[in-house]
PDB file of N, CA and C in Angstrom:
ATOM      1  N   MET A   1      11.156  10.833  -8.245  1.00  0.00           N
ATOM      2  CA  MET A   1      10.891   9.412  -8.259  1.00  0.00           C
ATOM      3  C   MET A   1      12.233   8.678  -8.279  1.00  0.00           C
ATOM      4  N   THR A   2      12.331   7.659  -7.455  1.00  0.00           N
ATOM      5  CA  THR A   2      13.531   6.836  -7.416  1.00  0.00           C
ATOM      6  C   THR A   2      13.155   5.393  -7.722  1.00  0.00           C
ATOM      7  N   GLN A   3      14.130   4.598  -8.046  1.00  0.00           N
ATOM      8  CA  GLN A   3      13.903   3.173  -8.261  1.00  0.00           C
ATOM      9  C   GLN A   3      14.417   2.429  -7.039  1.00  0.00           C
ATOM     10  N   ILE A   4      13.523   1.756  -6.325  1.00  0.00           N
ATOM     11  CA  ILE A   4      13.921   0.935  -5.187  1.00  0.00           C
ATOM     12  C   ILE A   4      14.608  -0.322  -5.714  1.00  0.00           C
ATOM     13  N   LEU A   5      14.001  -0.921  -6.704  1.00  0.00           N
ATOM     14  CA  LEU A   5      14.545  -2.032  -7.483  1.00  0.00           C
ATOM     15  C   LEU A   5      14.173  -1.744  -8.928  1.00  0.00           C
ATOM     16  N   PRO A   6      14.740  -2.452  -9.879  1.00  0.00           N
ATOM     17  CA  PRO A   6      14.393  -2.158 -11.279  1.00  0.00           C
ATOM     18  C   PRO A   6      12.889  -2.197 -11.573  1.00  0.00           C
ATOM     19  N   HIS A   7      12.145  -2.988 -10.812  1.00  0.00           N
ATOM     20  CA  HIS A   7      10.708  -3.120 -11.079  1.00  0.00           C
ATOM     21  C   HIS A   7       9.824  -2.433 -10.034  1.00  0.00           C
ATOM     22  N   ILE A   8      10.413  -1.682  -9.099  1.00  0.00           N
ATOM     23  CA  ILE A   8       9.629  -0.987  -8.071  1.00  0.00           C
ATOM     24  C   ILE A   8      10.099   0.462  -7.964  1.00  0.00           C
ATOM     25  N   ALA A   9       9.162   1.381  -8.165  1.00  0.00           N
ATOM     26  CA  ALA A   9       9.471   2.810  -8.056  1.00  0.00           C
ATOM     27  C   ALA A   9       9.235   3.286  -6.626  1.00  0.00           C
ATOM     28  N   GLY A  10      10.025   4.255  -6.196  1.00  0.00           N
ATOM     29  CA  GLY A  10       9.834   4.903  -4.907  1.00  0.00           C
ATOM     30  C   GLY A  10       9.238   6.283  -5.127  1.00  0.00           C
ATOM     31  N   LEU A  11       8.106   6.555  -4.472  1.00  0.00           N
ATOM     32  CA  LEU A  11       7.383   7.813  -4.671  1.00  0.00           C
ATOM     33  C   LEU A  11       7.299   8.579  -3.359  1.00  0.00           C
ATOM     34  N   ARG A  12       7.536   9.897  -3.435  1.00  0.00           N
ATOM     35  CA  ARG A  12       7.482  10.727  -2.233  1.00  0.00           C
ATOM     36  C   ARG A  12       6.514  11.897  -2.345  1.00  0.00           C
ATOM     37  N   THR A  13       5.968  12.147  -3.518  1.00  0.00           N
ATOM     38  CA  THR A  13       5.048  13.277  -3.672  1.00  0.00           C
ATOM     39  C   THR A  13       3.827  12.852  -4.470  1.00  0.00           C
ATOM     40  N   ASP A  14       2.767  13.632  -4.332  1.00  0.00           N
ATOM     41  CA  ASP A  14       1.560  13.385  -5.121  1.00  0.00           C
ATOM     42  C   ASP A  14       1.863  13.499  -6.611  1.00  0.00           C
ATOM     43  N   GLU A  15       2.703  14.454  -6.960  1.00  0.00           N
ATOM     44  CA  GLU A  15       3.068  14.654  -8.367  1.00  0.00           C
ATOM     45  C   GLU A  15       3.786  13.422  -8.928  1.00  0.00           C
ATOM     46  N   GLN A  16       4.691  12.849  -8.154  1.00  0.00           N
ATOM     47  CA  GLN A  16       5.389  11.644  -8.609  1.00  0.00           C
ATOM     48  C   GLN A  16       4.419  10.484  -8.798  1.00  0.00           C
ATOM     49  N   LEU A  17       3.448  10.361  -7.894  1.00  0.00           N
ATOM     50  CA  LEU A  17       2.447   9.304  -8.043  1.00  0.00           C
ATOM     51  C   LEU A  17       1.658   9.502  -9.328  1.00  0.00           C
ATOM     52  N   GLN A  18       1.218  10.726  -9.586  1.00  0.00           N
ATOM     53  CA  GLN A  18       0.447  10.991 -10.802  1.00  0.00           C
ATOM     54  C   GLN A  18       1.276  10.710 -12.054  1.00  0.00           C
ATOM     55  N   GLN A  19       2.546  11.074 -12.029  1.00  0.00           N
ATOM     56  CA  GLN A  19       3.427  10.791 -13.172  1.00  0.00           C
ATOM     57  C   GLN A  19       3.590   9.287 -13.374  1.00  0.00           C
ATOM     58  N   PHE A  20       3.750   8.555 -12.287  1.00  0.00           N
ATOM     59  CA  PHE A  20       3.901   7.100 -12.366  1.00  0.00           C
ATOM     60  C   PHE A  20       2.633   6.463 -12.928  1.00  0.00           C
ATOM     61  N   LEU A  21       1.472   6.895 -12.424  1.00  0.00           N
ATOM     62  CA  LEU A  21       0.205   6.342 -12.909  1.00  0.00           C
ATOM     63  C   LEU A  21      -0.010   6.676 -14.378  1.00  0.00           C
ATOM     64  N   GLN A  22       0.374   7.861 -14.791  1.00  0.00           N
ATOM     65  CA  GLN A  22       0.239   8.253 -16.198  1.00  0.00           C
ATOM     66  C   GLN A  22       1.172   7.420 -17.079  1.00  0.00           C
ATOM     67  N   ARG A  23       2.385   7.218 -16.610  1.00  0.00           N
ATOM     68  CA  ARG A  23       3.366   6.444 -17.384  1.00  0.00           C
ATOM     69  C   ARG A  23       2.883   5.019 -17.631  1.00  0.00           C
ATOM     70  N   TRP A  24       2.256   4.413 -16.635  1.00  0.00           N
ATOM     71  CA  TRP A  24       1.801   3.024 -16.734  1.00  0.00           C
ATOM     72  C   TRP A  24       0.283   2.942 -16.870  1.00  0.00           C
ATOM     73  N   ARG A  25      -0.309   3.927 -17.498  1.00  0.00           N
ATOM     74  CA  ARG A  25      -1.761   4.026 -17.630  1.00  0.00           C
ATOM     75  C   ARG A  25      -2.396   2.785 -18.257  1.00  0.00           C
ATOM     76  N   SER A  26      -1.711   2.150 -19.179  1.00  0.00           N
ATOM     77  CA  SER A  26      -2.290   0.979 -19.849  1.00  0.00           C
ATOM     78  C   SER A  26      -2.058  -0.314 -19.060  1.00  0.00           C
ATOM     79  N   ASP A  27      -1.387  -0.225 -17.914  1.00  0.00           N
ATOM     80  CA  ASP A  27      -1.112  -1.402 -17.086  1.00  0.00           C
ATOM     81  C   ASP A  27      -1.866  -1.319 -15.761  1.00  0.00           C
ATOM     82  N   THR A  28      -1.898  -2.437 -15.054  1.00  0.00           N
ATOM     83  CA  THR A  28      -2.433  -2.465 -13.700  1.00  0.00           C
ATOM     84  C   THR A  28      -1.285  -2.154 -12.747  1.00  0.00           C
ATOM     85  N   VAL A  29      -1.524  -1.209 -11.838  1.00  0.00           N
ATOM     86  CA  VAL A  29      -0.490  -0.706 -10.928  1.00  0.00           C
ATOM     87  C   VAL A  29      -0.890  -1.010  -9.488  1.00  0.00           C
ATOM     88  N   LEU A  30       0.066  -1.480  -8.695  1.00  0.00           N
ATOM     89  CA  LEU A  30      -0.147  -1.688  -7.268  1.00  0.00           C
ATOM     90  C   LEU A  30       0.812  -0.782  -6.503  1.00  0.00           C
ATOM     91  N   VAL A  31       0.249   0.077  -5.643  1.00  0.00           N
ATOM     92  CA  VAL A  31       1.058   0.999  -4.851  1.00  0.00           C
ATOM     93  C   VAL A  31       0.963   0.601  -3.381  1.00  0.00           C
ATOM     94  N   ASN A  32       2.115   0.478  -2.756  1.00  0.00           N
ATOM     95  CA  ASN A  32       2.235   0.167  -1.338  1.00  0.00           C
ATOM     96  C   ASN A  32       2.441   1.493  -0.603  1.00  0.00           C
ATOM     97  N   PHE A  33       1.396   1.981   0.079  1.00  0.00           N
ATOM     98  CA  PHE A  33       1.487   3.219   0.849  1.00  0.00           C
ATOM     99  C   PHE A  33       1.927   2.874   2.266  1.00  0.00           C
ATOM    100  N   GLY A  34       3.051   3.443   2.688  1.00  0.00           N
ATOM    101  CA  GLY A  34       3.561   3.150   4.017  1.00  0.00           C
ATOM    102  C   GLY A  34       4.314   4.328   4.588  1.00  0.00           C
ATOM    103  N   SER A  35       4.974   4.070   5.707  1.00  0.00           N
ATOM    104  CA  SER A  35       5.721   5.120   6.382  1.00  0.00           C
ATOM    105  C   SER A  35       6.966   4.523   7.019  1.00  0.00           C
ATOM    106  N   SER A  36       7.977   5.341   7.177  1.00  0.00           N
ATOM    107  CA  SER A  36       9.239   4.866   7.751  1.00  0.00           C
ATOM    108  C   SER A  36       9.084   4.452   9.212  1.00  0.00           C
ATOM    109  N   TRP A  37       8.104   5.004   9.913  1.00  0.00           N
ATOM    110  CA  TRP A  37       7.918   4.701  11.331  1.00  0.00           C
ATOM    111  C   TRP A  37       6.971   3.530  11.576  1.00  0.00           C
ATOM    112  N   CYS A  38       6.406   2.960  10.522  1.00  0.00           N
ATOM    113  CA  CYS A  38       5.367   1.932  10.637  1.00  0.00           C
ATOM    114  C   CYS A  38       5.978   0.527  10.729  1.00  0.00           C
ATOM    115  N   HIS A  39       5.825  -0.109  11.867  1.00  0.00           N
ATOM    116  CA  HIS A  39       6.346  -1.462  12.084  1.00  0.00           C
ATOM    117  C   HIS A  39       5.736  -2.457  11.096  1.00  0.00           C
ATOM    118  N   HIS A  40       4.427  -2.385  10.893  1.00  0.00           N
ATOM    119  CA  HIS A  40       3.754  -3.320   9.977  1.00  0.00           C
ATOM    120  C   HIS A  40       4.224  -3.128   8.533  1.00  0.00           C
ATOM    121  N   CYS A  41       4.558  -1.896   8.174  1.00  0.00           N
ATOM    122  CA  CYS A  41       5.081  -1.634   6.823  1.00  0.00           C
ATOM    123  C   CYS A  41       6.415  -2.347   6.631  1.00  0.00           C
ATOM    124  N   HIS A  42       7.268  -2.250   7.632  1.00  0.00           N
ATOM    125  CA  HIS A  42       8.573  -2.924   7.569  1.00  0.00           C
ATOM    126  C   HIS A  42       8.392  -4.443   7.549  1.00  0.00           C
ATOM    127  N   GLN A  43       7.407  -4.921   8.290  1.00  0.00           N
ATOM    128  CA  GLN A  43       7.119  -6.351   8.347  1.00  0.00           C
ATOM    129  C   GLN A  43       6.636  -6.868   6.988  1.00  0.00           C
ATOM    130  N   MET A  44       5.841  -6.088   6.275  1.00  0.00           N
ATOM    131  CA  MET A  44       5.260  -6.527   5.002  1.00  0.00           C
ATOM    132  C   MET A  44       6.175  -6.311   3.808  1.00  0.00           C
ATOM    133  N   PHE A  45       7.137  -5.415   3.923  1.00  0.00           N
ATOM    134  CA  PHE A  45       7.948  -5.059   2.760  1.00  0.00           C
ATOM    135  C   PHE A  45       8.656  -6.252   2.117  1.00  0.00           C
ATOM    136  N   PRO A  46       9.282  -7.160   2.874  1.00  0.00           N
ATOM    137  CA  PRO A  46       9.914  -8.320   2.217  1.00  0.00           C
ATOM    138  C   PRO A  46       8.914  -9.174   1.435  1.00  0.00           C
ATOM    139  N   HIS A  47       7.690  -9.298   1.948  1.00  0.00           N
ATOM    140  CA  HIS A  47       6.652 -10.058   1.235  1.00  0.00           C
ATOM    141  C   HIS A  47       6.248  -9.328  -0.042  1.00  0.00           C
ATOM    142  N   PHE A  48       6.121  -8.010   0.061  1.00  0.00           N
ATOM    143  CA  PHE A  48       5.797  -7.198  -1.113  1.00  0.00           C
ATOM    144  C   PHE A  48       6.859  -7.391  -2.193  1.00  0.00           C
ATOM    145  N   LEU A  49       8.130  -7.347  -1.805  1.00  0.00           N
ATOM    146  CA  LEU A  49       9.226  -7.538  -2.762  1.00  0.00           C
ATOM    147  C   LEU A  49       9.163  -8.917  -3.406  1.00  0.00           C
ATOM    148  N   SER A  50       9.020  -9.926  -2.587  1.00  0.00           N
ATOM    149  CA  SER A  50       8.985 -11.299  -3.091  1.00  0.00           C
ATOM    150  C   SER A  50       7.802 -11.519  -4.031  1.00  0.00           C
ATOM    151  N   LEU A  51       6.636 -11.058  -3.625  1.00  0.00           N
ATOM    152  CA  LEU A  51       5.436 -11.254  -4.443  1.00  0.00           C
ATOM    153  C   LEU A  51       5.480 -10.431  -5.724  1.00  0.00           C
ATOM    154  N   SER A  52       6.124  -9.274  -5.680  1.00  0.00           N
ATOM    155  CA  SER A  52       6.221  -8.460  -6.902  1.00  0.00           C
ATOM    156  C   SER A  52       7.035  -9.188  -7.970  1.00  0.00           C
ATOM    157  N   LYS A  53       7.985 -10.001  -7.550  1.00  0.00           N
ATOM    158  CA  LYS A  53       8.755 -10.804  -8.509  1.00  0.00           C
ATOM    159  C   LYS A  53       7.935 -11.984  -9.020  1.00  0.00           C
ATOM    160  N   ARG A  54       7.071 -12.485  -8.178  1.00  0.00           N
ATOM    161  CA  ARG A  54       6.215 -13.621  -8.555  1.00  0.00           C
ATOM    162  C   ARG A  54       5.108 -13.200  -9.522  1.00  0.00           C
ATOM    163  N   PHE A  55       4.684 -11.948  -9.430  1.00  0.00           N
ATOM    164  CA  PHE A  55       3.607 -11.427 -10.280  1.00  0.00           C
ATOM    165  C   PHE A  55       4.116 -10.233 -11.091  1.00  0.00           C
ATOM    166  N   PRO A  56       4.981 -10.472 -12.067  1.00  0.00           N
ATOM    167  CA  PRO A  56       5.608  -9.369 -12.816  1.00  0.00           C
ATOM    168  C   PRO A  56       4.667  -8.658 -13.790  1.00  0.00           C
ATOM    169  N   GLN A  57       3.456  -9.147 -13.950  1.00  0.00           N
ATOM    170  CA  GLN A  57       2.522  -8.511 -14.878  1.00  0.00           C
ATOM    171  C   GLN A  57       2.044  -7.151 -14.370  1.00  0.00           C
ATOM    172  N   LEU A  58       2.124  -6.928 -13.070  1.00  0.00           N
ATOM    173  CA  LEU A  58       1.702  -5.655 -12.493  1.00  0.00           C
ATOM    174  C   LEU A  58       2.893  -4.704 -12.433  1.00  0.00           C
ATOM    175  N   LYS A  59       2.607  -3.417 -12.333  1.00  0.00           N
ATOM    176  CA  LYS A  59       3.631  -2.394 -12.106  1.00  0.00           C
ATOM    177  C   LYS A  59       3.549  -2.001 -10.633  1.00  0.00           C
ATOM    178  N   TYR A  60       4.703  -1.762 -10.017  1.00  0.00           N
ATOM    179  CA  TYR A  60       4.753  -1.572  -8.565  1.00  0.00           C
ATOM    180  C   TYR A  60       5.426  -0.264  -8.167  1.00  0.00           C
ATOM    181  N   ALA A  61       4.907   0.292  -7.053  1.00  0.00           N
ATOM    182  CA  ALA A  61       5.527   1.476  -6.456  1.00  0.00           C
ATOM    183  C   ALA A  61       5.334   1.420  -4.947  1.00  0.00           C
ATOM    184  N   VAL A  62       6.252   2.058  -4.245  1.00  0.00           N
ATOM    185  CA  VAL A  62       6.151   2.245  -2.800  1.00  0.00           C
ATOM    186  C   VAL A  62       6.059   3.746  -2.576  1.00  0.00           C
ATOM    187  N   ALA A  63       5.021   4.175  -1.854  1.00  0.00           N
ATOM    188  CA  ALA A  63       4.784   5.601  -1.627  1.00  0.00           C
ATOM    189  C   ALA A  63       4.869   5.914  -0.136  1.00  0.00           C
ATOM    190  N   GLN A  64       5.560   6.988   0.201  1.00  0.00           N
ATOM    191  CA  GLN A  64       5.711   7.433   1.587  1.00  0.00           C
ATOM    192  C   GLN A  64       4.576   8.385   1.953  1.00  0.00           C
ATOM    193  N   VAL A  65       3.666   7.943   2.827  1.00  0.00           N
ATOM    194  CA  VAL A  65       2.507   8.765   3.177  1.00  0.00           C
ATOM    195  C   VAL A  65       2.888  10.042   3.913  1.00  0.00           C
ATOM    196  N   ASP A  66       4.046  10.062   4.535  1.00  0.00           N
ATOM    197  CA  ASP A  66       4.470  11.260   5.267  1.00  0.00           C
ATOM    198  C   ASP A  66       4.621  12.472   4.357  1.00  0.00           C
ATOM    199  N   TYR A  67       4.866  12.247   3.088  1.00  0.00           N
ATOM    200  CA  TYR A  67       5.132  13.333   2.149  1.00  0.00           C
ATOM    201  C   TYR A  67       4.009  13.559   1.148  1.00  0.00           C
ATOM    202  N   MET A  68       3.032  12.684   1.118  1.00  0.00           N
ATOM    203  CA  MET A  68       1.959  12.767   0.123  1.00  0.00           C
ATOM    204  C   MET A  68       0.667  13.160   0.835  1.00  0.00           C
ATOM    205  N   HIS A  69       0.025  14.200   0.365  1.00  0.00           N
ATOM    206  CA  HIS A  69      -1.149  14.670   1.078  1.00  0.00           C
ATOM    207  C   HIS A  69      -2.445  14.444   0.313  1.00  0.00           C
ATOM    208  N   GLU A  70      -2.480  14.766  -0.950  1.00  0.00           N
ATOM    209  CA  GLU A  70      -3.701  14.602  -1.742  1.00  0.00           C
ATOM    210  C   GLU A  70      -4.133  13.142  -1.810  1.00  0.00           C
ATOM    211  N   GLU A  71      -3.244  12.307  -2.287  1.00  0.00           N
ATOM    212  CA  GLU A  71      -3.597  10.914  -2.543  1.00  0.00           C
ATOM    213  C   GLU A  71      -3.804  10.122  -1.261  1.00  0.00           C
ATOM    214  N   THR A  72      -3.152  10.509  -0.184  1.00  0.00           N
ATOM    215  CA  THR A  72      -3.225   9.721   1.049  1.00  0.00           C
ATOM    216  C   THR A  72      -4.271  10.239   2.028  1.00  0.00           C
ATOM    217  N   ARG A  73      -5.062  11.175   1.622  1.00  0.00           N
ATOM    218  CA  ARG A  73      -6.043  11.777   2.523  1.00  0.00           C
ATOM    219  C   ARG A  73      -6.948  10.732   3.182  1.00  0.00           C
ATOM    220  N   GLY A  74      -7.362   9.716   2.442  1.00  0.00           N
ATOM    221  CA  GLY A  74      -8.272   8.709   2.980  1.00  0.00           C
ATOM    222  C   GLY A  74      -7.585   7.524   3.640  1.00  0.00           C
ATOM    223  N   ILE A  75      -6.279   7.538   3.727  1.00  0.00           N
ATOM    224  CA  ILE A  75      -5.553   6.413   4.309  1.00  0.00           C
ATOM    225  C   ILE A  75      -5.431   6.625   5.815  1.00  0.00           C
ATOM    226  N   THR A  76      -6.005   5.700   6.575  1.00  0.00           N
ATOM    227  CA  THR A  76      -5.976   5.816   8.031  1.00  0.00           C
ATOM    228  C   THR A  76      -5.153   4.718   8.680  1.00  0.00           C
ATOM    229  N   TYR A  77      -4.669   3.767   7.885  1.00  0.00           N
ATOM    230  CA  TYR A  77      -3.892   2.651   8.406  1.00  0.00           C
ATOM    231  C   TYR A  77      -2.782   2.342   7.418  1.00  0.00           C
ATOM    232  N   THR A  78      -1.608   2.022   7.940  1.00  0.00           N
ATOM    233  CA  THR A  78      -0.522   1.619   7.049  1.00  0.00           C
ATOM    234  C   THR A  78      -0.022   0.254   7.481  1.00  0.00           C
ATOM    235  N   PRO A  79       0.363  -0.576   6.533  1.00  0.00           N
ATOM    236  CA  PRO A  79       0.403  -0.289   5.102  1.00  0.00           C
ATOM    237  C   PRO A  79      -0.985  -0.381   4.468  1.00  0.00           C
ATOM    238  N   THR A  80      -1.193   0.463   3.468  1.00  0.00           N
ATOM    239  CA  THR A  80      -2.374   0.393   2.615  1.00  0.00           C
ATOM    240  C   THR A  80      -1.887   0.117   1.207  1.00  0.00           C
ATOM    241  N   PHE A  81      -2.556  -0.798   0.539  1.00  0.00           N
ATOM    242  CA  PHE A  81      -2.215  -1.166  -0.829  1.00  0.00           C
ATOM    243  C   PHE A  81      -3.359  -0.730  -1.731  1.00  0.00           C
ATOM    244  N   ALA A  82      -3.038  -0.028  -2.810  1.00  0.00           N
ATOM    245  CA  ALA A  82      -4.061   0.455  -3.739  1.00  0.00           C
ATOM    246  C   ALA A  82      -3.737  -0.034  -5.146  1.00  0.00           C
ATOM    247  N   VAL A  83      -4.781  -0.462  -5.846  1.00  0.00           N
ATOM    248  CA  VAL A  83      -4.648  -0.929  -7.226  1.00  0.00           C
ATOM    249  C   VAL A  83      -5.265   0.126  -8.131  1.00  0.00           C
ATOM    250  N   TYR A  84      -4.543   0.462  -9.204  1.00  0.00           N
ATOM    251  CA  TYR A  84      -4.989   1.467 -10.168  1.00  0.00           C
ATOM    252  C   TYR A  84      -5.052   0.856 -11.556  1.00  0.00           C
ATOM    253  N   LYS A  85      -6.094   1.215 -12.274  1.00  0.00           N
ATOM    254  CA  LYS A  85      -6.222   0.873 -13.691  1.00  0.00           C
ATOM    255  C   LYS A  85      -6.602   2.154 -14.423  1.00  0.00           C
ATOM    256  N   LYS A  86      -5.925   2.421 -15.518  1.00  0.00           N
ATOM    257  CA  LYS A  86      -6.166   3.636 -16.304  1.00  0.00           C
ATOM    258  C   LYS A  86      -6.093   4.883 -15.426  1.00  0.00           C
ATOM    259  N   GLY A  87      -5.187   4.856 -14.443  1.00  0.00           N
ATOM    260  CA  GLY A  87      -4.974   6.009 -13.585  1.00  0.00           C
ATOM    261  C   GLY A  87      -5.977   6.184 -12.465  1.00  0.00           C
ATOM    262  N   ARG A  88      -6.960   5.285 -12.370  1.00  0.00           N
ATOM    263  CA  ARG A  88      -7.999   5.398 -11.335  1.00  0.00           C
ATOM    264  C   ARG A  88      -7.875   4.272 -10.322  1.00  0.00           C
ATOM    265  N   LYS A  89      -8.111   4.598  -9.058  1.00  0.00           N
ATOM    266  CA  LYS A  89      -8.072   3.580  -8.009  1.00  0.00           C
ATOM    267  C   LYS A  89      -9.288   2.666  -8.158  1.00  0.00           C
ATOM    268  N   VAL A  90      -9.030   1.357  -8.239  1.00  0.00           N
ATOM    269  CA  VAL A  90     -10.109   0.384  -8.411  1.00  0.00           C
ATOM    270  C   VAL A  90     -10.194  -0.602  -7.249  1.00  0.00           C
ATOM    271  N   ASP A  91      -9.207  -0.596  -6.375  1.00  0.00           N
ATOM    272  CA  ASP A  91      -9.205  -1.515  -5.240  1.00  0.00           C
ATOM    273  C   ASP A  91      -8.274  -0.944  -4.178  1.00  0.00           C
ATOM    274  N   GLN A  92      -8.602  -1.217  -2.920  1.00  0.00           N
ATOM    275  CA  GLN A  92      -7.745  -0.782  -1.824  1.00  0.00           C
ATOM    276  C   GLN A  92      -7.931  -1.741  -0.665  1.00  0.00           C
ATOM    277  N   PHE A  93      -6.840  -2.115  -0.026  1.00  0.00           N
ATOM    278  CA  PHE A  93      -6.891  -2.978   1.144  1.00  0.00           C
ATOM    279  C   PHE A  93      -5.718  -2.602   2.038  1.00  0.00           C
ATOM    280  N   PHE A  94      -5.775  -3.003   3.293  1.00  0.00           N
ATOM    281  CA  PHE A  94      -4.722  -2.581   4.216  1.00  0.00           C
ATOM    282  C   PHE A  94      -4.400  -3.685   5.205  1.00  0.00           C
ATOM    283  N   GLY A  95      -3.271  -3.524   5.846  1.00  0.00           N
ATOM    284  CA  GLY A  95      -2.888  -4.418   6.924  1.00  0.00           C
ATOM    285  C   GLY A  95      -1.681  -5.273   6.600  1.00  0.00           C
ATOM    286  N   ALA A  96      -1.152  -5.875   7.648  1.00  0.00           N
ATOM    287  CA  ALA A  96       0.029  -6.731   7.539  1.00  0.00           C
ATOM    288  C   ALA A  96      -0.419  -8.178   7.381  1.00  0.00           C
ATOM    289  N   ASN A  97      -1.033  -8.471   6.244  1.00  0.00           N
ATOM    290  CA  ASN A  97      -1.574  -9.796   5.973  1.00  0.00           C
ATOM    291  C   ASN A  97      -1.010 -10.284   4.642  1.00  0.00           C
ATOM    292  N   GLU A  98      -0.004 -11.137   4.717  1.00  0.00           N
ATOM    293  CA  GLU A  98       0.665 -11.613   3.504  1.00  0.00           C
ATOM    294  C   GLU A  98      -0.295 -12.348   2.572  1.00  0.00           C
ATOM    295  N   GLN A  99      -1.183 -13.171   3.133  1.00  0.00           N
ATOM    296  CA  GLN A  99      -2.124 -13.928   2.295  1.00  0.00           C
ATOM    297  C   GLN A  99      -3.067 -12.983   1.547  1.00  0.00           C
ATOM    298  N   GLN A 100      -3.540 -11.956   2.215  1.00  0.00           N
ATOM    299  CA  GLN A 100      -4.416 -10.982   1.569  1.00  0.00           C
ATOM    300  C   GLN A 100      -3.687 -10.280   0.426  1.00  0.00           C
ATOM    301  N   LEU A 101      -2.433  -9.897   0.652  1.00  0.00           N
ATOM    302  CA  LEU A 101      -1.638  -9.256  -0.391  1.00  0.00           C
ATOM    303  C   LEU A 101      -1.461 -10.205  -1.573  1.00  0.00           C
ATOM    304  N   ARG A 102      -1.103 -11.440  -1.298  1.00  0.00           N
ATOM    305  CA  ARG A 102      -0.916 -12.437  -2.356  1.00  0.00           C
ATOM    306  C   ARG A 102      -2.215 -12.640  -3.145  1.00  0.00           C
ATOM    307  N   ASP A 103      -3.327 -12.754  -2.438  1.00  0.00           N
ATOM    308  CA  ASP A 103      -4.615 -12.973  -3.108  1.00  0.00           C
ATOM    309  C   ASP A 103      -4.968 -11.817  -4.038  1.00  0.00           C
ATOM    310  N   HIS A 104      -4.773 -10.600  -3.568  1.00  0.00           N
ATOM    311  CA  HIS A 104      -5.082  -9.436  -4.411  1.00  0.00           C
ATOM    312  C   HIS A 104      -4.145  -9.360  -5.615  1.00  0.00           C
ATOM    313  N   MET A 105      -2.869  -9.640  -5.398  1.00  0.00           N
ATOM    314  CA  MET A 105      -1.916  -9.618  -6.519  1.00  0.00           C
ATOM    315  C   MET A 105      -2.289 -10.683  -7.544  1.00  0.00           C
ATOM    316  N   TRP A 106      -2.639 -11.855  -7.071  1.00  0.00           N
ATOM    317  CA  TRP A 106      -3.043 -12.932  -7.978  1.00  0.00           C
ATOM    318  C   TRP A 106      -4.285 -12.514  -8.767  1.00  0.00           C
ATOM    319  N   LEU A 107      -5.288 -11.994  -8.076  1.00  0.00           N
ATOM    320  CA  LEU A 107      -6.532 -11.583  -8.729  1.00  0.00           C
ATOM    321  C   LEU A 107      -6.282 -10.545  -9.815  1.00  0.00           C
ATOM    322  N   TRP A 108      -5.527  -9.505  -9.486  1.00  0.00           N
ATOM    323  CA  TRP A 108      -5.294  -8.441 -10.467  1.00  0.00           C
ATOM    324  C   TRP A 108      -4.368  -8.889 -11.587  1.00  0.00           C
ATOM    325  N   THR A 109      -3.494  -9.854 -11.314  1.00  0.00           N
ATOM    326  CA  THR A 109      -2.666 -10.428 -12.378  1.00  0.00           C
ATOM    327  C   THR A 109      -3.540 -11.202 -13.353  1.00  0.00           C
ATOM    328  N   GLN A 110      -4.501 -11.961 -12.822  1.00  0.00           N
ATOM    329  CA  GLN A 110      -5.412 -12.717 -13.685  1.00  0.00           C
ATOM    330  C   GLN A 110      -6.217 -11.771 -14.567  1.00  0.00           C
ATOM    331  N   GLN A 111      -6.689 -10.678 -13.986  1.00  0.00           N
ATOM    332  CA  GLN A 111      -7.461  -9.709 -14.767  1.00  0.00           C
ATOM    333  C   GLN A 111      -6.582  -9.011 -15.794  1.00  0.00           C
ATOM    334  N   ALA A 112      -5.345  -8.710 -15.429  1.00  0.00           N
ATOM    335  CA  ALA A 112      -4.422  -8.072 -16.381  1.00  0.00           C
ATOM    336  C   ALA A 112      -4.122  -9.022 -17.531  1.00  0.00           C
ATOM    337  N   ASP A 113      -3.895 -10.301 -17.220  1.00  0.00           N
ATOM    338  CA  ASP A 113      -3.636 -11.292 -18.268  1.00  0.00           C
ATOM    339  C   ASP A 113      -4.844 -11.441 -19.177  1.00  0.00           C
ATOM    340  N   GLY A 114      -6.027 -11.446 -18.599  1.00  0.00           N
ATOM    341  CA  GLY A 114      -7.248 -11.561 -19.393  1.00  0.00           C
ATOM    342  C   GLY A 114      -7.451 -10.367 -20.297  1.00  0.00           C
ATOM    343  N   GLN A 115      -7.111  -9.183 -19.801  1.00  0.00           N
ATOM    344  CA  GLN A 115      -7.251  -7.966 -20.598  1.00  0.00           C
ATOM    345  C   GLN A 115      -6.270  -7.967 -21.758  1.00  0.00           C
ATOM    346  N   ASP A 116      -5.032  -8.409 -21.498  1.00  0.00           N
ATOM    347  CA  ASP A 116      -4.016  -8.425 -22.547  1.00  0.00           C
ATOM    348  C   ASP A 116      -4.368  -9.402 -23.654  1.00  0.00           C
ATOM    349  N   GLY A 117      -4.945 -10.547 -23.282  1.00  0.00           N
ATOM    350  CA  GLY A 117      -5.204 -11.572 -24.281  1.00  0.00           C
ATOM    351  C   GLY A 117      -6.644 -11.635 -24.731  1.00  0.00           C
ATOM    352  N   GLY A 118      -7.508 -10.797 -24.151  1.00  0.00           N
ATOM    353  CA  GLY A 118      -8.928 -10.859 -24.471  1.00  0.00           C
ATOM    354  C   GLY A 118      -9.301 -10.005 -25.657  1.00  0.00           C
ATOM    355  N   SER A 119     -10.590  -9.961 -25.911  1.00  0.00           N
ATOM    356  CA  SER A 119     -11.079  -9.200 -27.065  1.00  0.00           C
ATOM    357  C   SER A 119     -11.348  -7.750 -26.708  1.00  0.00           C
ATOM    358  N   GLY A 120     -11.202  -7.372 -25.405  1.00  0.00           N
ATOM    359  CA  GLY A 120     -11.263  -6.038 -24.859  1.00  0.00           C
ATOM    360  C   GLY A 120     -12.150  -5.112 -25.467  1.00  0.00           C
TER     361      GLY A 120
END
């Protein structure tokens, strides 16, 4: 596992993903699954970076699908974004749509804030 930025982890194996999800098990995690050859992934990455700073309540990772086999088995389009809570995937969406990414980040941030401050 590498750090792309202080708040974004870089993942290349299924084992690294599982370790990351375990480490942040009590938080909401958003993973950006992409590939080095994917034009849309490169197009979305600056938006992902910018929005990750805007929504710091979530934990973030970028995963390379070329090296991950177990977790990426169902991914047929890149970029694919997956949201995890308690180590389980609870949401998944794909495509080079900045508004969709922003909307999902906002939604999961609201739920994370509600969980932190609620009676849970």
